[in-house]
Amino acid sequence: MDISPEGEDLRKAVKWIWAESASDPSKGLSDLIREACLKFDLSPLEAEYLLKAVRPPNEKP
């Protein structure tokens, strides 16, 4: 099973979020996801995917 996101903008957003969180750990994931949605012009459905894709495995929704 492949969990890679479809769509180039979504892939770029995931990479951007991980890079930003690594360079500035004080930024929260919610803020980064919000920024990524604006930066990459993502739809609400894509934003929901990001919430699931970048959440740490031990964190509950």
N, C-alpha and C. Protein backbone atom coordinates (compact mmCIF):
# COMPACT_ATOMS: atom_id res chain seq x y z
N MET A 1 0.84 -1.18 0.00
CA MET A 1 0.00 0.00 0.00
C MET A 1 0.88 1.23 0.00
N ASP A 2 0.57 2.17 -0.84
CA ASP A 2 1.34 3.41 -0.96
C ASP A 2 0.57 4.53 -0.27
N ILE A 3 1.22 5.22 0.66
CA ILE A 3 0.55 6.31 1.36
C ILE A 3 0.99 7.68 0.84
N SER A 4 1.66 7.68 -0.31
CA SER A 4 2.10 8.94 -0.90
C SER A 4 0.90 9.75 -1.35
N PRO A 5 0.92 11.05 -1.07
CA PRO A 5 -0.20 11.88 -1.51
C PRO A 5 -0.21 12.04 -3.02
N GLU A 6 -1.40 12.14 -3.57
CA GLU A 6 -1.52 12.41 -5.00
C GLU A 6 -1.47 13.91 -5.20
N GLY A 7 -0.88 14.33 -6.28
CA GLY A 7 -0.82 15.76 -6.58
C GLY A 7 0.51 16.35 -6.13
N GLU A 8 1.13 17.05 -7.03
CA GLU A 8 2.44 17.63 -6.78
C GLU A 8 2.41 18.66 -5.65
N ASP A 9 1.37 19.50 -5.61
CA ASP A 9 1.30 20.52 -4.56
C ASP A 9 1.19 19.89 -3.17
N LEU A 10 0.47 18.80 -3.07
CA LEU A 10 0.32 18.13 -1.79
C LEU A 10 1.65 17.51 -1.36
N ARG A 11 2.36 16.91 -2.29
CA ARG A 11 3.69 16.35 -1.97
C ARG A 11 4.64 17.46 -1.52
N LYS A 12 4.61 18.58 -2.22
CA LYS A 12 5.47 19.71 -1.84
C LYS A 12 5.10 20.22 -0.46
N ALA A 13 3.81 20.27 -0.16
CA ALA A 13 3.35 20.74 1.14
C ALA A 13 3.85 19.84 2.27
N VAL A 14 3.78 18.54 2.08
CA VAL A 14 4.26 17.61 3.11
C VAL A 14 5.75 17.82 3.33
N LYS A 15 6.52 17.90 2.26
CA LYS A 15 7.97 18.13 2.39
C LYS A 15 8.25 19.46 3.07
N TRP A 16 7.49 20.50 2.69
CA TRP A 16 7.69 21.82 3.27
C TRP A 16 7.39 21.81 4.77
N ILE A 17 6.32 21.16 5.16
CA ILE A 17 5.96 21.09 6.58
C ILE A 17 7.06 20.41 7.37
N TRP A 18 7.57 19.28 6.90
CA TRP A 18 8.63 18.58 7.63
C TRP A 18 9.90 19.42 7.69
N ALA A 19 10.23 20.11 6.61
CA ALA A 19 11.43 20.96 6.61
C ALA A 19 11.27 22.12 7.58
N GLU A 20 10.10 22.75 7.56
CA GLU A 20 9.85 23.88 8.47
C GLU A 20 9.85 23.43 9.93
N SER A 21 9.25 22.28 10.21
CA SER A 21 9.21 21.82 11.60
C SER A 21 10.59 21.43 12.09
N ALA A 22 11.44 20.97 11.19
CA ALA A 22 12.82 20.62 11.57
C ALA A 22 13.64 21.88 11.82
N SER A 23 13.42 22.91 11.02
CA SER A 23 14.21 24.14 11.16
C SER A 23 13.72 25.02 12.31
N ASP A 24 12.45 24.90 12.67
CA ASP A 24 11.90 25.70 13.77
C ASP A 24 10.90 24.85 14.56
N PRO A 25 11.41 24.03 15.49
CA PRO A 25 10.54 23.12 16.25
C PRO A 25 9.50 23.83 17.11
N SER A 26 9.64 25.12 17.32
CA SER A 26 8.67 25.84 18.15
C SER A 26 7.34 26.07 17.41
N LYS A 27 7.35 25.95 16.08
CA LYS A 27 6.12 26.11 15.31
C LYS A 27 5.25 24.87 15.49
N GLY A 28 3.98 25.08 15.74
CA GLY A 28 3.05 23.97 15.88
C GLY A 28 2.63 23.42 14.53
N LEU A 29 2.27 22.15 14.50
CA LEU A 29 1.86 21.52 13.25
C LEU A 29 0.61 22.19 12.67
N SER A 30 -0.31 22.59 13.52
CA SER A 30 -1.53 23.24 13.02
C SER A 30 -1.19 24.52 12.27
N ASP A 31 -0.27 25.29 12.82
CA ASP A 31 0.15 26.53 12.15
C ASP A 31 0.85 26.23 10.84
N LEU A 32 1.71 25.23 10.84
CA LEU A 32 2.42 24.87 9.62
C LEU A 32 1.46 24.36 8.54
N ILE A 33 0.48 23.59 8.95
CA ILE A 33 -0.50 23.08 7.98
C ILE A 33 -1.30 24.24 7.40
N ARG A 34 -1.69 25.17 8.24
CA ARG A 34 -2.43 26.35 7.78
C ARG A 34 -1.59 27.13 6.76
N GLU A 35 -0.31 27.34 7.10
CA GLU A 35 0.58 28.06 6.18
C GLU A 35 0.75 27.31 4.87
N ALA A 36 0.92 25.99 4.96
CA ALA A 36 1.11 25.18 3.76
C ALA A 36 -0.12 25.23 2.86
N CYS A 37 -1.31 25.23 3.45
CA CYS A 37 -2.54 25.30 2.66
C CYS A 37 -2.60 26.59 1.87
N LEU A 38 -2.18 27.68 2.49
CA LEU A 38 -2.16 28.96 1.78
C LEU A 38 -1.05 29.00 0.74
N LYS A 39 0.12 28.54 1.13
CA LYS A 39 1.30 28.59 0.25
C LYS A 39 1.10 27.75 -1.01
N PHE A 40 0.50 26.56 -0.85
CA PHE A 40 0.36 25.64 -1.97
C PHE A 40 -1.07 25.57 -2.52
N ASP A 41 -1.94 26.49 -2.05
CA ASP A 41 -3.31 26.60 -2.54
C ASP A 41 -4.03 25.24 -2.50
N LEU A 42 -4.08 24.66 -1.31
CA LEU A 42 -4.67 23.33 -1.15
C LEU A 42 -6.16 23.43 -0.82
N SER A 43 -6.88 22.41 -1.21
CA SER A 43 -8.31 22.34 -0.95
C SER A 43 -8.55 21.89 0.50
N PRO A 44 -9.77 22.04 1.00
CA PRO A 44 -10.07 21.54 2.35
C PRO A 44 -9.82 20.04 2.49
N LEU A 45 -10.10 19.28 1.46
CA LEU A 45 -9.84 17.84 1.50
C LEU A 45 -8.34 17.55 1.61
N GLU A 46 -7.54 18.31 0.88
CA GLU A 46 -6.09 18.15 0.96
C GLU A 46 -5.57 18.58 2.34
N ALA A 47 -6.18 19.60 2.92
CA ALA A 47 -5.80 20.05 4.26
C ALA A 47 -6.08 18.94 5.27
N GLU A 48 -7.21 18.27 5.11
CA GLU A 48 -7.55 17.17 6.00
C GLU A 48 -6.53 16.04 5.87
N TYR A 49 -6.12 15.77 4.63
CA TYR A 49 -5.09 14.75 4.41
C TYR A 49 -3.81 15.13 5.16
N LEU A 50 -3.42 16.40 5.07
CA LEU A 50 -2.20 16.85 5.74
C LEU A 50 -2.29 16.63 7.25
N LEU A 51 -3.45 16.91 7.82
CA LEU A 51 -3.63 16.71 9.26
C LEU A 51 -3.34 15.26 9.64
N LYS A 52 -3.78 14.34 8.81
CA LYS A 52 -3.57 12.92 9.10
C LYS A 52 -2.15 12.48 8.75
N ALA A 53 -1.61 13.02 7.68
CA ALA A 53 -0.31 12.57 7.18
C ALA A 53 0.86 13.01 8.05
N VAL A 54 0.79 14.21 8.62
CA VAL A 54 1.96 14.73 9.35
C VAL A 54 1.82 14.60 10.85
N ARG A 55 0.69 14.13 11.34
CA ARG A 55 0.52 13.95 12.77
C ARG A 55 1.42 12.81 13.26
N PRO A 56 2.12 13.04 14.36
CA PRO A 56 2.96 11.96 14.91
C PRO A 56 2.10 10.72 15.20
N PRO A 57 2.63 9.53 15.00
CA PRO A 57 1.86 8.30 15.14
C PRO A 57 1.23 8.10 16.53
N ASN A 58 1.85 8.61 17.56
CA ASN A 58 1.32 8.40 18.92
C ASN A 58 0.34 9.47 19.34
N GLU A 59 0.10 10.47 18.50
CA GLU A 59 -0.82 11.56 18.83
C GLU A 59 -2.22 11.20 18.35
N LYS A 60 -3.19 11.41 19.21
CA LYS A 60 -4.58 11.11 18.85
C LYS A 60 -5.18 12.29 18.10
N PRO A 61 -6.14 12.01 17.21
CA PRO A 61 -6.78 13.08 16.42
C PRO A 61 -7.57 14.04 17.28
